[in-house]
Amino acid sequence: MVFTLHRYIFRDLLKTFALATVVLSGVLGLGVMLPLLRRFSVDPGQVPQLFLYTLPVTLTMVIPIAALLSATLNYGRLSAFNEVNACRASGISMMTLIYPALVLALLVGLATILLAFHVIPYYAARCERMLASDAEKFLFRTIEKKGYLGDMFPDWLIHADRAYYDQHVLTGVVVGQLDHNAKGLMMTRIFSCSRVYVQFDASEGENCFNLRLIDPTVVDNDTGAITKLEESTLSIPFPSLFRDDIKFKNLADLKAIQNDMTRFGPLRDNLLEVRRQLMVEMFFEWCDRQFYHQGFIDMTNPQGRILRVHAGGCELKRSSSVFDLKKAEKNRNARMEPSAIVGEEKSIRIEEYLRPGDRRSMREFTAAIGNLTVAFDQDVPVVMISLDKVTRTTRGESQTYYLAREDFTRLKPPPGDYAVQASELSLPQARQSPLTAWLHGEPSPYLNDKYTELTEDVHELALEIKAELHSRLAFGVSCVALVLLGTALGIYFRSGHLLTAFGVSFIPAALCLITIFTGKHLAVHSSLGVTAGLAFLWSGIIVAAVGNLAIYKLLLKH
C-alpha cells in the first residue's frame, strides 16, 4: 500500500516537474539565445541546434525551480484535499509521505551537479565549434544586411559597401582599430582600401580572420600620419564565447588549471606579454652595456648583411603614456616602446658589411638622432633602427647623399642571455620575485603595469576557480533543501492552487539564487576575503535547511 501511494505521488510530481521544466526552459532559453542570434546573425536553420547547445545552461537554472514548484503544488493539493490527514490516520507517518519528494530532490540535485560539471562544458564547446565553423558566413551575412559588423569584434570596427562570399572578398572597406582605456573607447588606427580578401583560419584552435588589404591607406590618429601601402594583412581573432570563461570549464579542466594556470588562455596571453616586454627592456639594457664596453653592436639584416651600430648608449624612453603603451599590445606585430640611441658627440654611425668577417664596409650611415625598436613577428623578436638627418657614404663613390630618414627593418638581434632569461619567467616567479630580479635598472611603467596585472590575475583566477566549484556544488545541494522546504510549505499552507504554490516557492528559491551569485562575486572581488564570500554563498542554503527543521518539527507536532 505504501509503495503504491509513493508511486502515485511520484508520478504526479514528475508530471508537474516535466511540464514546468518545458515551459520555463522555453521562455528562459530564448533569453539565452537572443544575444547570440543578434551578435552572430545565425542562420535560421541553425536555431534549433543553437537552442539544443544552450539548453543545459537554461536547465541549470530551471530544474531547481521546477522541482520546487512541483513539490509545493502537489503536496499542497494533497493537504488541501485532506489526503495527508487520511494517510496519517491510517498509520502512515509524515516522514514516509515525503519520500517521493526526497527522491525527486536527490535526482534533481544530482542532475544539476552533472549539468554544471560536465554537460554544460561539453555543449558549450560544441556551440563554440558550430559558431566558429560558420564564422566566415556570419561575417559576410552580417555585412550584407547591415554594412558593418556591429559589436562582433570588441577591438575592431569593420565597414564594407559590398560582400561577396563566393569570392571571399569585401569591397569599399574601412577598418578601425579600437582601444579600451580609462578615457573611454578610442580609435587608434584606420585602414581604408577598395578591396579586402577574407580568410578564416582555425589552425591549432586559434580562430581568427586574416584580412588581406589591397593598396590600403593607414591613418594613425595619435600622430596624424597617413601612410600608403601596397598590401597589408590584419589578423583579427574571432571572439571566444566560452573557451576563455571559467564558468564553462569541466571539472578536469578546472583541476588542471589549478595545477598549471598557463592552461587558461587569457592568463597565458598576459604572461606572454610580460615575457615580451621584459625581453625588450633586458635587450635595451644589454645594448647599453655593449655600447659602453665595446662601442658597437652587430645585427643581421634579411639579406644576411652585417650592420655594425656605433653609439654611445641606449636609453629607454619613458615619456609615453600608459594608454599609448597599451595600444601596442593589441597587435602582435605592433611596435613596442622605442629606445633612443645616444651617439658619441651627437652622432650615430652604422657600417654595412657584405658578409661576416669582412674588414671593410660597403656603406656607412651617420646621423644625429636614432631610435631602436623591438617588435615580434610570430613570437620571434625583430629590430628596427630609424635614423633622422642621415649622411650616407658608399665605398668607392666620391658622392655623399643626405637623407631625411633611413630605416633598417627586420634586423635579427645578436644572441644574448636576455632572450633565454625572459622566456623562462614563470607564474610562480612572477608572484614571488620583483622585476628588479631580472633588470638592472627600473622597469618601464608599461612593464610594471603588466607585471602587476599578471600577479593580480593569478590571484583572482585561483579565487574564481574556488568560487566556481563551490557555486556548482551549492546549486546541487540547494535543490535538495528547496524541494524539501517546498514540500513542507505546501502541506502547511494547505493549498493546491498554482499561484499560491508559485508564490510560496519563489521566496526560498530567490533567496538561494541571490546568495549563491552574490557570494560567488564577493569571494572573488570583495575585500572581506574568500572565506566571507563563500560563507555568504552557502548562507541561503543554511537558511533553507534551518527552515526545513523548523517547519517539519511544527508539522510533526501537529
Protein backbone atom coordinates (compact mmCIF):
# COMPACT_ATOMS: atom_id res chain seq x y z
CA MET A 1 0.00 0.00 0.00
CA VAL A 2 2.80 2.43 0.90
CA PHE A 3 4.65 1.61 -2.32
CA THR A 4 1.50 2.27 -4.36
CA LEU A 5 0.99 5.59 -2.59
CA HIS A 6 4.59 6.58 -3.25
CA ARG A 7 4.23 5.64 -6.90
CA TYR A 8 1.13 7.81 -7.36
CA ILE A 9 2.72 10.79 -5.60
CA PHE A 10 5.97 10.45 -7.52
CA ARG A 11 4.09 10.18 -10.82
CA ASP A 12 2.23 13.45 -10.13
CA LEU A 13 5.49 15.10 -9.08
CA LEU A 14 7.15 14.08 -12.34
CA LYS A 15 4.23 15.30 -14.46
CA THR A 16 4.23 18.74 -12.86
CA PHE A 17 8.04 18.88 -12.87
CA ALA A 18 8.26 17.97 -16.56
CA LEU A 19 5.60 20.49 -17.59
CA ALA A 20 7.19 23.29 -15.54
CA THR A 21 10.63 22.44 -16.93
CA VAL A 22 9.40 22.58 -20.55
CA VAL A 23 7.59 25.89 -20.08
CA LEU A 24 10.37 27.62 -18.15
CA SER A 25 13.09 26.26 -20.46
CA GLY A 26 11.26 27.59 -23.50
CA VAL A 27 10.91 31.05 -22.00
CA LEU A 28 14.39 31.36 -20.49
CA GLY A 29 16.05 29.53 -23.40
CA LEU A 30 15.03 32.29 -25.79
CA GLY A 31 16.62 34.81 -23.44
CA VAL A 32 19.89 32.86 -23.53
CA MET A 33 19.85 32.55 -27.34
CA LEU A 34 18.84 36.08 -28.31
CA PRO A 35 22.24 37.70 -27.60
CA LEU A 36 23.94 35.07 -29.79
CA LEU A 37 21.36 35.50 -32.54
CA ARG A 38 21.82 39.25 -32.59
CA ARG A 39 25.60 39.17 -32.36
CA PHE A 40 26.38 36.45 -34.92
CA SER A 41 23.39 36.58 -37.31
CA VAL A 42 22.86 32.83 -37.02
CA ASP A 43 21.23 31.15 -40.00
CA PRO A 44 17.56 30.26 -39.25
CA GLY A 45 18.29 26.60 -39.94
CA GLN A 46 20.81 26.55 -37.09
CA VAL A 47 18.46 28.00 -34.45
CA PRO A 48 17.25 24.54 -33.24
CA GLN A 49 20.85 23.36 -32.97
CA LEU A 50 21.83 26.50 -31.08
CA PHE A 51 18.84 26.06 -28.76
CA LEU A 52 19.97 22.49 -28.04
CA TYR A 53 23.53 23.61 -27.24
CA THR A 54 22.37 26.37 -24.88
CA LEU A 55 19.65 24.23 -23.25
CA PRO A 56 21.92 22.80 -20.49
CA VAL A 57 22.69 26.34 -19.29
CA THR A 58 18.96 27.04 -19.09
CA LEU A 59 18.23 23.74 -17.34
CA THR A 60 20.69 24.50 -14.56
CA MET A 61 18.54 27.47 -13.59
CA VAL A 62 15.17 25.89 -14.41
CA ILE A 63 15.08 22.43 -12.86
CA PRO A 64 15.58 23.54 -9.20
CA ILE A 65 12.69 25.98 -9.55
CA ALA A 66 10.56 23.43 -11.44
CA ALA A 67 11.17 20.77 -8.76
CA LEU A 68 10.34 23.25 -6.01
CA LEU A 69 7.14 24.31 -7.77
CA SER A 70 6.15 20.68 -8.37
CA ALA A 71 6.67 19.67 -4.71
CA THR A 72 4.80 22.72 -3.37
CA LEU A 73 1.86 22.30 -5.76
CA ASN A 74 1.35 18.54 -5.39
CA TYR A 75 1.82 18.30 -1.63
CA GLY A 76 -0.32 21.41 -1.23
CA ARG A 77 -3.06 19.66 -3.18
CA LEU A 78 -2.73 16.53 -1.01
CA SER A 79 -3.04 18.64 2.11
CA ALA A 80 -5.93 20.72 0.72
CA PHE A 81 -7.96 17.57 -0.06
CA ASN A 82 -7.17 16.16 3.42
CA GLU A 83 -5.32 13.22 1.90
CA VAL A 84 -2.36 13.89 4.21
CA ASN A 85 -4.67 13.62 7.25
CA ALA A 86 -6.19 10.42 5.85
CA CYS A 87 -2.76 8.86 5.38
CA ARG A 88 -1.68 9.79 8.88
CA ALA A 89 -4.93 8.40 10.29
CA SER A 90 -4.22 5.10 8.56
CA GLY A 91 -0.80 4.89 10.22
CA ILE A 92 1.45 6.37 7.54
CA SER A 93 3.85 8.86 9.13
CA MET A 94 4.59 12.30 7.78
CA MET A 95 8.20 11.40 7.02
CA THR A 96 7.06 8.42 4.96
CA LEU A 97 4.83 10.68 2.84
CA ILE A 98 7.75 12.89 1.79
CA TYR A 99 9.89 10.02 0.42
CA PRO A 100 8.83 10.74 -3.21
CA ALA A 101 9.78 14.41 -2.76
CA LEU A 102 13.13 13.36 -1.28
CA VAL A 103 13.81 11.08 -4.27
CA LEU A 104 12.92 13.91 -6.67
CA ALA A 105 15.14 16.30 -4.73
CA LEU A 106 18.13 13.93 -4.86
CA LEU A 107 17.65 13.25 -8.58
CA VAL A 108 17.36 16.95 -9.41
CA GLY A 109 20.36 17.80 -7.23
CA LEU A 110 22.46 15.13 -8.93
CA ALA A 111 21.29 16.28 -12.37
CA THR A 112 22.21 19.87 -11.55
CA ILE A 113 25.73 18.88 -10.48
CA LEU A 114 26.23 16.74 -13.60
CA LEU A 115 24.98 19.59 -15.79
CA ALA A 116 27.29 22.11 -14.16
CA PHE A 117 30.46 20.00 -14.12
CA HIS A 118 30.18 18.00 -17.35
CA VAL A 119 27.18 18.61 -19.63
CA ILE A 120 27.33 22.41 -19.89
CA PRO A 121 31.10 22.50 -20.70
CA TYR A 122 30.61 19.79 -23.36
CA TYR A 123 27.76 21.56 -25.14
CA ALA A 124 29.42 24.96 -24.73
CA ALA A 125 32.43 23.60 -26.62
CA ARG A 126 30.14 22.25 -29.35
CA CYS A 127 28.37 25.61 -29.59
CA GLU A 128 31.75 27.33 -29.91
CA ARG A 129 32.76 24.96 -32.72
CA MET A 130 29.44 25.48 -34.51
CA LEU A 131 29.77 29.26 -34.46
CA ALA A 132 33.45 29.09 -35.46
CA SER A 133 32.72 26.70 -38.36
CA ASP A 134 30.34 29.22 -39.88
CA ALA A 135 32.23 32.32 -38.78
CA GLU A 136 33.00 33.41 -42.32
CA LYS A 137 29.32 33.09 -43.29
CA PHE A 138 28.37 35.11 -40.22
CA LEU A 139 30.76 37.87 -41.26
CA PHE A 140 29.54 38.12 -44.85
CA ARG A 141 25.87 37.71 -43.88
CA THR A 142 26.10 40.49 -41.31
CA ILE A 143 27.82 42.87 -43.73
CA GLU A 144 25.24 42.09 -46.44
CA LYS A 145 22.42 43.00 -44.03
CA LYS A 146 23.92 45.94 -42.12
CA GLY A 147 27.02 47.06 -43.99
CA TYR A 148 29.12 46.66 -40.84
CA LEU A 149 29.86 44.07 -38.15
CA GLY A 150 28.45 45.90 -35.14
CA ASP A 151 29.97 44.66 -31.88
CA MET A 152 31.02 41.25 -33.19
CA PHE A 153 34.69 42.17 -32.58
CA PRO A 154 35.29 44.22 -29.43
CA ASP A 155 38.56 45.74 -30.69
CA TRP A 156 37.68 46.34 -34.35
CA LEU A 157 35.10 48.13 -36.46
CA ILE A 158 34.65 46.81 -40.00
CA HIS A 159 32.51 48.56 -42.63
CA ALA A 160 32.14 47.45 -46.24
CA ASP A 161 29.99 48.53 -49.21
CA ARG A 162 29.67 45.06 -50.71
CA ALA A 163 30.31 41.47 -49.55
CA TYR A 164 30.92 38.59 -51.97
CA TYR A 165 31.01 35.33 -50.04
CA ASP A 166 31.75 33.12 -53.08
CA GLN A 167 34.89 35.14 -53.82
CA HIS A 168 35.75 35.83 -50.14
CA VAL A 169 36.03 39.50 -51.00
CA LEU A 170 34.83 42.74 -49.38
CA THR A 171 34.83 45.99 -51.33
CA GLY A 172 34.81 49.59 -50.15
CA VAL A 173 36.28 48.64 -46.79
CA VAL A 174 37.09 50.77 -43.75
CA VAL A 175 38.64 49.03 -40.73
CA GLY A 176 39.08 50.84 -37.42
CA GLN A 177 41.24 49.56 -34.57
CA LEU A 178 39.78 50.37 -31.15
CA ASP A 179 41.35 50.71 -27.75
CA HIS A 180 39.53 50.41 -24.42
CA ASN A 181 41.11 52.52 -21.71
CA ALA A 182 40.33 54.76 -18.77
CA LYS A 183 39.46 57.61 -21.14
CA GLY A 184 36.81 55.53 -22.88
CA LEU A 185 36.65 53.90 -26.29
CA MET A 186 39.24 55.37 -28.68
CA MET A 187 40.03 54.62 -32.32
CA THR A 188 43.79 54.39 -32.78
CA ARG A 189 44.22 53.46 -36.46
CA ILE A 190 42.01 53.49 -39.55
CA PHE A 191 42.61 51.32 -42.63
CA SER A 192 40.76 52.13 -45.83
CA CYS A 193 41.01 50.27 -49.13
CA SER A 194 38.93 49.32 -52.13
CA ARG A 195 39.25 45.54 -51.75
CA VAL A 196 39.90 43.03 -48.95
CA TYR A 197 40.34 39.26 -49.20
CA VAL A 198 38.98 37.39 -46.17
CA GLN A 199 40.23 34.02 -44.96
CA PHE A 200 39.19 32.30 -41.75
CA ASP A 201 41.99 30.40 -40.01
CA ALA A 202 41.11 27.74 -37.42
CA SER A 203 44.54 26.09 -37.20
CA GLU A 204 45.72 24.99 -33.76
CA GLY A 205 42.50 26.22 -32.19
CA GLU A 206 43.40 29.88 -32.85
CA ASN A 207 40.26 31.05 -34.64
CA CYS A 208 40.92 34.32 -36.43
CA PHE A 209 40.12 36.25 -39.61
CA ASN A 210 43.04 37.14 -41.87
CA LEU A 211 42.19 40.28 -43.82
CA ARG A 212 44.48 40.94 -46.79
CA LEU A 213 44.13 44.63 -47.58
CA ILE A 214 44.98 45.67 -51.15
CA ASP A 215 46.54 49.16 -51.51
CA PRO A 216 45.42 50.34 -48.07
CA THR A 217 45.71 53.83 -46.66
CA VAL A 218 46.57 53.82 -42.95
CA VAL A 219 45.75 56.78 -40.72
CA ASP A 220 47.29 56.92 -37.23
CA ASN A 221 45.02 59.00 -35.02
CA ASP A 222 47.74 59.54 -32.40
CA THR A 223 50.29 61.12 -34.71
CA GLY A 224 48.07 62.09 -37.64
CA ALA A 225 50.42 60.26 -40.02
CA ILE A 226 48.92 58.95 -43.28
CA THR A 227 50.70 56.01 -44.90
CA LYS A 228 50.02 54.40 -48.26
CA LEU A 229 50.93 50.69 -48.51
CA GLU A 230 50.91 48.20 -51.35
CA GLU A 231 49.44 45.44 -49.20
CA SER A 232 48.83 44.76 -45.53
CA THR A 233 47.44 41.83 -43.53
CA LEU A 234 45.39 42.14 -40.35
CA SER A 235 44.83 39.15 -38.09
CA ILE A 236 41.59 39.64 -36.13
CA PRO A 237 40.78 36.94 -33.55
CA PHE A 238 37.28 35.50 -33.62
CA PRO A 239 35.68 36.31 -30.25
CA SER A 240 35.57 33.40 -27.83
CA LEU A 241 32.22 32.85 -26.17
CA PHE A 242 33.00 30.02 -23.78
CA ARG A 243 36.60 28.88 -24.29
CA ASP A 244 38.14 31.60 -22.12
CA ASP A 245 35.46 31.58 -19.43
CA ILE A 246 35.92 29.62 -16.20
CA LYS A 247 32.14 29.11 -15.93
CA PHE A 248 32.24 26.76 -18.93
CA LYS A 249 35.18 24.56 -17.90
CA ASN A 250 34.55 20.99 -16.80
CA LEU A 251 35.88 19.55 -13.58
CA ALA A 252 39.01 18.05 -15.16
CA ASP A 253 39.90 21.36 -16.82
CA LEU A 254 39.38 23.28 -13.58
CA LYS A 255 41.69 20.93 -11.71
CA ALA A 256 44.27 21.15 -14.50
CA ILE A 257 44.15 24.96 -14.45
CA GLN A 258 44.56 24.93 -10.67
CA ASN A 259 47.75 22.90 -11.09
CA ASP A 260 49.05 24.89 -14.07
CA MET A 261 47.38 28.26 -14.65
CA THR A 262 49.08 28.75 -18.02
CA ARG A 263 46.47 26.31 -19.35
CA PHE A 264 43.99 29.21 -19.10
CA GLY A 265 44.18 31.21 -22.33
CA PRO A 266 43.86 34.82 -21.08
CA LEU A 267 46.42 34.28 -18.33
CA ARG A 268 48.80 32.60 -20.77
CA ASP A 269 48.49 35.61 -23.10
CA ASN A 270 49.21 38.02 -20.24
CA LEU A 271 52.31 36.03 -19.29
CA LEU A 272 53.47 36.14 -22.92
CA GLU A 273 53.06 39.94 -22.97
CA VAL A 274 55.12 40.28 -19.79
CA ARG A 275 57.83 38.00 -21.18
CA ARG A 276 57.99 40.01 -24.40
CA GLN A 277 58.22 43.38 -22.71
CA LEU A 278 60.76 42.02 -20.21
CA MET A 279 62.82 40.70 -23.12
CA VAL A 280 62.63 44.10 -24.82
CA GLU A 281 63.84 46.01 -21.76
CA MET A 282 66.53 43.45 -20.98
CA PHE A 283 67.68 43.80 -24.59
CA PHE A 284 67.85 47.59 -24.22
CA GLU A 285 69.96 47.23 -21.10
CA TRP A 286 72.19 44.70 -22.86
CA CYS A 287 72.64 47.11 -25.78
CA ASP A 288 73.54 49.93 -23.40
CA ARG A 289 76.22 47.78 -21.75
CA GLN A 290 77.60 46.71 -25.14
CA PHE A 291 77.81 50.32 -26.33
CA TYR A 292 79.56 51.29 -23.11
CA HIS A 293 82.14 48.48 -23.14
CA GLN A 294 82.94 47.94 -26.86
CA GLY A 295 81.22 50.89 -28.54
CA PHE A 296 79.12 48.92 -31.04
CA ILE A 297 76.73 46.01 -31.59
CA ASP A 298 76.32 43.81 -34.68
CA MET A 299 72.97 42.89 -36.24
CA THR A 300 71.99 40.94 -39.35
CA ASN A 301 69.54 42.24 -41.96
CA PRO A 302 67.20 39.98 -44.03
CA GLN A 303 69.80 39.82 -46.84
CA GLY A 304 72.39 38.35 -44.46
CA ARG A 305 74.50 41.50 -44.31
CA ILE A 306 76.03 42.72 -41.07
CA LEU A 307 75.10 46.12 -39.66
CA ARG A 308 77.57 47.40 -37.08
CA VAL A 309 75.92 50.10 -34.97
CA HIS A 310 78.26 52.53 -33.21
CA ALA A 311 76.71 54.68 -30.48
CA GLY A 312 77.37 55.97 -27.03
CA GLY A 313 74.46 54.30 -25.29
CA CYS A 314 70.92 53.05 -25.41
CA GLU A 315 68.31 54.80 -23.26
CA LEU A 316 64.76 53.53 -22.84
CA LYS A 317 62.19 56.27 -23.40
CA ARG A 318 59.73 56.67 -20.54
CA SER A 319 57.73 59.60 -21.86
CA SER A 320 54.97 57.52 -23.47
CA SER A 321 51.73 57.24 -21.51
CA VAL A 322 50.16 54.01 -20.35
CA PHE A 323 47.47 54.50 -22.99
CA ASP A 324 49.96 54.60 -25.81
CA LEU A 325 51.72 51.55 -24.45
CA LYS A 326 48.55 49.51 -24.07
CA LYS A 327 47.66 50.30 -27.64
CA ALA A 328 50.68 48.28 -28.80
CA GLU A 329 49.65 45.09 -27.03
CA LYS A 330 46.55 44.55 -29.20
CA ASN A 331 48.57 43.98 -32.38
CA ARG A 332 51.01 41.13 -32.34
CA ASN A 333 53.30 42.92 -34.81
CA ALA A 334 52.86 46.38 -33.26
CA ARG A 335 55.85 48.45 -32.24
CA MET A 336 56.92 48.31 -28.64
CA GLU A 337 58.16 51.37 -26.80
CA PRO A 338 61.32 52.55 -28.58
CA SER A 339 64.75 53.11 -27.15
CA ALA A 340 66.79 56.11 -28.17
CA ILE A 341 70.33 55.52 -29.35
CA VAL A 342 72.59 58.19 -27.93
CA GLY A 343 75.51 58.89 -30.21
CA GLU A 344 79.04 59.88 -29.33
CA GLU A 345 79.47 63.61 -29.89
CA LYS A 346 75.91 63.80 -31.20
CA SER A 347 76.47 61.26 -33.99
CA ILE A 348 75.44 57.68 -34.64
CA ARG A 349 77.26 55.57 -37.17
CA ILE A 350 76.14 52.36 -38.89
CA GLU A 351 78.57 50.35 -41.04
CA GLU A 352 77.12 47.84 -43.53
CA TYR A 353 79.24 44.75 -44.33
CA LEU A 354 78.52 42.34 -47.16
CA ARG A 355 79.29 39.23 -45.15
CA PRO A 356 80.52 38.29 -41.66
CA GLY A 357 84.26 38.67 -41.24
CA ASP A 358 84.71 41.48 -43.78
CA ARG A 359 87.10 44.20 -42.67
CA ARG A 360 85.86 46.93 -44.97
CA SER A 361 82.27 48.14 -45.00
CA MET A 362 80.17 48.64 -48.14
CA ARG A 363 78.29 51.69 -46.91
CA GLU A 364 78.30 53.95 -43.93
CA PHE A 365 75.43 55.94 -42.40
CA THR A 366 75.89 58.81 -39.98
CA ALA A 367 73.02 60.51 -38.12
CA ALA A 368 72.37 62.79 -35.20
CA ILE A 369 69.21 61.05 -33.96
CA GLY A 370 68.39 57.37 -33.88
CA ASN A 371 65.71 55.13 -32.46
CA LEU A 372 65.79 51.39 -31.90
CA THR A 373 62.53 49.47 -31.80
CA VAL A 374 61.85 45.84 -30.93
CA ALA A 375 58.78 44.11 -32.35
CA PHE A 376 57.67 40.48 -32.53
CA ASP A 377 56.95 38.52 -35.68
CA GLN A 378 55.43 35.11 -34.88
CA ASP A 379 56.98 35.27 -31.40
CA VAL A 380 60.43 36.00 -32.87
CA PRO A 381 61.95 39.34 -31.85
CA VAL A 382 62.99 41.64 -34.70
CA VAL A 383 64.69 45.03 -34.52
CA MET A 384 64.16 48.22 -36.49
CA ILE A 385 66.57 51.16 -36.40
CA SER A 386 65.42 54.55 -37.63
CA LEU A 387 67.90 57.36 -38.30
CA ASP A 388 66.98 61.01 -38.87
CA LYS A 389 69.07 63.54 -40.83
CA VAL A 390 71.30 60.87 -42.34
CA THR A 391 74.53 61.15 -44.26
CA ARG A 392 75.12 58.08 -46.47
CA THR A 393 78.51 57.27 -47.95
CA THR A 394 79.17 54.33 -50.31
CA ARG A 395 82.68 52.96 -50.54
CA GLY A 396 84.18 53.60 -53.95
CA GLU A 397 81.97 56.62 -54.64
CA SER A 398 83.04 60.19 -54.08
CA GLN A 399 79.49 61.49 -53.73
CA THR A 400 77.76 61.75 -50.35
CA TYR A 401 73.97 61.57 -50.02
CA TYR A 402 71.94 63.48 -47.44
CA LEU A 403 68.68 61.82 -46.43
CA ALA A 404 65.90 62.98 -44.15
CA ARG A 405 65.36 59.45 -42.79
CA GLU A 406 66.74 55.94 -43.17
CA ASP A 407 65.04 52.81 -41.73
CA PHE A 408 66.69 49.43 -41.21
CA THR A 409 63.88 46.89 -40.73
CA ARG A 410 63.55 43.24 -39.70
CA LEU A 411 67.03 43.07 -38.21
CA LYS A 412 67.99 39.94 -36.34
CA PRO A 413 69.26 40.90 -32.87
CA PRO A 414 72.52 39.43 -31.64
CA PRO A 415 72.24 36.41 -29.34
CA GLY A 416 72.25 37.05 -25.63
CA ASP A 417 71.08 35.74 -22.28
CA TYR A 418 68.25 38.28 -22.21
CA ALA A 419 66.05 36.16 -24.52
CA VAL A 420 66.54 32.95 -22.53
CA GLN A 421 66.04 34.58 -19.15
CA ALA A 422 62.88 36.41 -20.20
CA SER A 423 61.36 33.28 -21.76
CA GLU A 424 61.96 31.36 -18.53
CA LEU A 425 59.80 33.73 -16.47
CA SER A 426 57.05 31.59 -14.90
CA LEU A 427 53.91 32.36 -12.95
CA PRO A 428 55.39 31.30 -9.57
CA GLN A 429 58.37 33.57 -10.22
CA ALA A 430 56.06 36.43 -11.17
CA ARG A 431 54.18 36.06 -7.89
CA GLN A 432 57.27 35.82 -5.69
CA SER A 433 60.01 37.91 -7.32
CA PRO A 434 60.16 41.64 -8.16
CA LEU A 435 61.13 42.87 -11.61
CA THR A 436 64.49 44.05 -10.30
CA ALA A 437 65.47 40.37 -10.13
CA TRP A 438 65.80 40.47 -13.95
CA LEU A 439 66.52 44.13 -14.70
CA HIS A 440 69.49 46.19 -13.56
CA GLY A 441 67.55 49.45 -13.68
CA GLU A 442 63.96 50.47 -13.11
CA PRO A 443 61.32 48.83 -15.32
CA SER A 444 59.12 50.95 -17.57
CA PRO A 445 55.63 51.94 -16.37
CA TYR A 446 54.13 49.65 -19.00
CA LEU A 447 56.06 46.61 -17.77
CA ASN A 448 55.21 47.50 -14.17
CA ASP A 449 51.51 47.68 -15.02
CA LYS A 450 51.52 44.42 -16.97
CA TYR A 451 53.51 42.66 -14.23
CA THR A 452 51.11 43.87 -11.54
CA GLU A 453 48.15 42.89 -13.70
CA LEU A 454 49.59 39.40 -14.17
CA THR A 455 50.09 38.79 -10.46
CA GLU A 456 46.60 40.08 -9.72
CA ASP A 457 45.12 37.87 -12.44
CA VAL A 458 46.81 34.79 -10.99
CA HIS A 459 45.35 35.52 -7.56
CA GLU A 460 41.92 36.32 -8.99
CA LEU A 461 41.85 33.18 -11.15
CA ALA A 462 42.60 30.98 -8.13
CA LEU A 463 39.70 32.62 -6.30
CA GLU A 464 37.41 32.27 -9.33
CA ILE A 465 38.07 28.54 -9.59
CA LYS A 466 37.42 28.03 -5.88
CA ALA A 467 34.22 30.09 -6.00
CA GLU A 468 33.07 28.31 -9.18
CA LEU A 469 33.48 24.88 -7.59
CA HIS A 470 31.53 25.96 -4.51
CA SER A 471 28.75 27.59 -6.53
CA ARG A 472 28.21 24.47 -8.67
CA LEU A 473 28.03 22.27 -5.60
CA ALA A 474 25.75 24.80 -3.91
CA PHE A 475 23.27 24.61 -6.79
CA GLY A 476 23.02 20.84 -6.40
CA VAL A 477 22.68 20.94 -2.61
CA SER A 478 20.12 23.77 -2.82
CA CYS A 479 17.85 21.55 -4.90
CA VAL A 480 17.51 19.07 -2.03
CA ALA A 481 16.93 21.79 0.57
CA LEU A 482 14.46 23.72 -1.59
CA VAL A 483 12.35 20.73 -2.67
CA LEU A 484 12.02 19.52 0.91
CA LEU A 485 11.14 23.05 2.04
CA GLY A 486 8.59 23.39 -0.77
CA THR A 487 7.01 20.09 0.30
CA ALA A 488 6.66 21.25 3.89
CA LEU A 489 5.32 24.69 2.87
CA GLY A 490 2.75 23.10 0.56
CA ILE A 491 1.47 20.89 3.37
CA TYR A 492 1.48 23.72 5.90
CA PHE A 493 -0.40 26.25 3.75
CA ARG A 494 -2.89 23.55 2.57
CA SER A 495 -3.45 24.96 -0.91
CA GLY A 496 -3.23 23.24 -4.24
CA HIS A 497 -3.56 26.44 -6.27
CA LEU A 498 -0.83 27.07 -8.83
CA LEU A 499 -0.35 30.76 -8.00
CA THR A 500 -0.15 30.05 -4.28
CA ALA A 501 2.40 27.30 -4.87
CA PHE A 502 4.44 29.56 -7.14
CA GLY A 503 4.35 32.42 -4.64
CA VAL A 504 5.35 30.17 -1.74
CA SER A 505 8.18 28.53 -3.68
CA PHE A 506 9.53 31.74 -5.22
CA ILE A 507 10.79 33.27 -1.97
CA PRO A 508 13.20 30.48 -0.86
CA ALA A 509 14.33 29.92 -4.46
CA ALA A 510 15.11 33.61 -4.93
CA LEU A 511 16.95 33.67 -1.60
CA CYS A 512 19.22 30.77 -2.59
CA LEU A 513 19.93 32.17 -6.07
CA ILE A 514 20.76 35.62 -4.71
CA THR A 515 23.11 34.31 -2.03
CA ILE A 516 24.87 31.92 -4.43
CA PHE A 517 25.54 34.53 -7.12
CA THR A 518 26.34 37.32 -4.68
CA GLY A 519 28.56 35.09 -2.55
CA LYS A 520 30.44 33.97 -5.65
CA HIS A 521 31.09 37.58 -6.60
CA LEU A 522 32.14 38.52 -3.06
CA ALA A 523 34.54 35.57 -2.84
CA VAL A 524 36.47 36.90 -5.85
CA HIS A 525 36.18 40.68 -5.66
CA SER A 526 35.35 41.61 -2.08
CA SER A 527 37.94 42.94 0.34
CA LEU A 528 36.31 40.80 3.05
CA GLY A 529 38.15 37.75 1.74
CA VAL A 530 37.25 34.48 0.08
CA THR A 531 36.07 32.86 3.33
CA ALA A 532 33.43 35.54 3.92
CA GLY A 533 32.26 35.29 0.32
CA LEU A 534 31.91 31.51 0.45
CA ALA A 535 30.10 31.77 3.79
CA PHE A 536 27.58 34.13 2.22
CA LEU A 537 27.31 31.78 -0.80
CA TRP A 538 26.16 28.92 1.46
CA SER A 539 24.06 31.11 3.76
CA GLY A 540 20.88 30.81 1.69
CA ILE A 541 21.08 27.02 1.75
CA ILE A 542 21.72 27.09 5.50
CA VAL A 543 18.65 29.29 5.99
CA ALA A 544 16.58 26.88 3.88
CA ALA A 545 17.87 23.95 5.94
CA VAL A 546 17.01 25.70 9.20
CA GLY A 547 13.58 26.49 7.78
CA ASN A 548 13.17 22.79 6.96
CA LEU A 549 13.95 21.77 10.53
CA ALA A 550 11.56 24.33 11.98
CA ILE A 551 8.59 23.63 9.73
CA TYR A 552 8.94 19.82 9.83
CA LYS A 553 9.13 19.99 13.60
CA LEU A 554 5.92 22.01 13.53
CA LEU A 555 4.20 19.55 11.15
CA LEU A 556 5.22 16.54 13.22
CA LYS A 557 3.99 18.24 16.37
CA HIS A 558 0.55 18.93 14.92
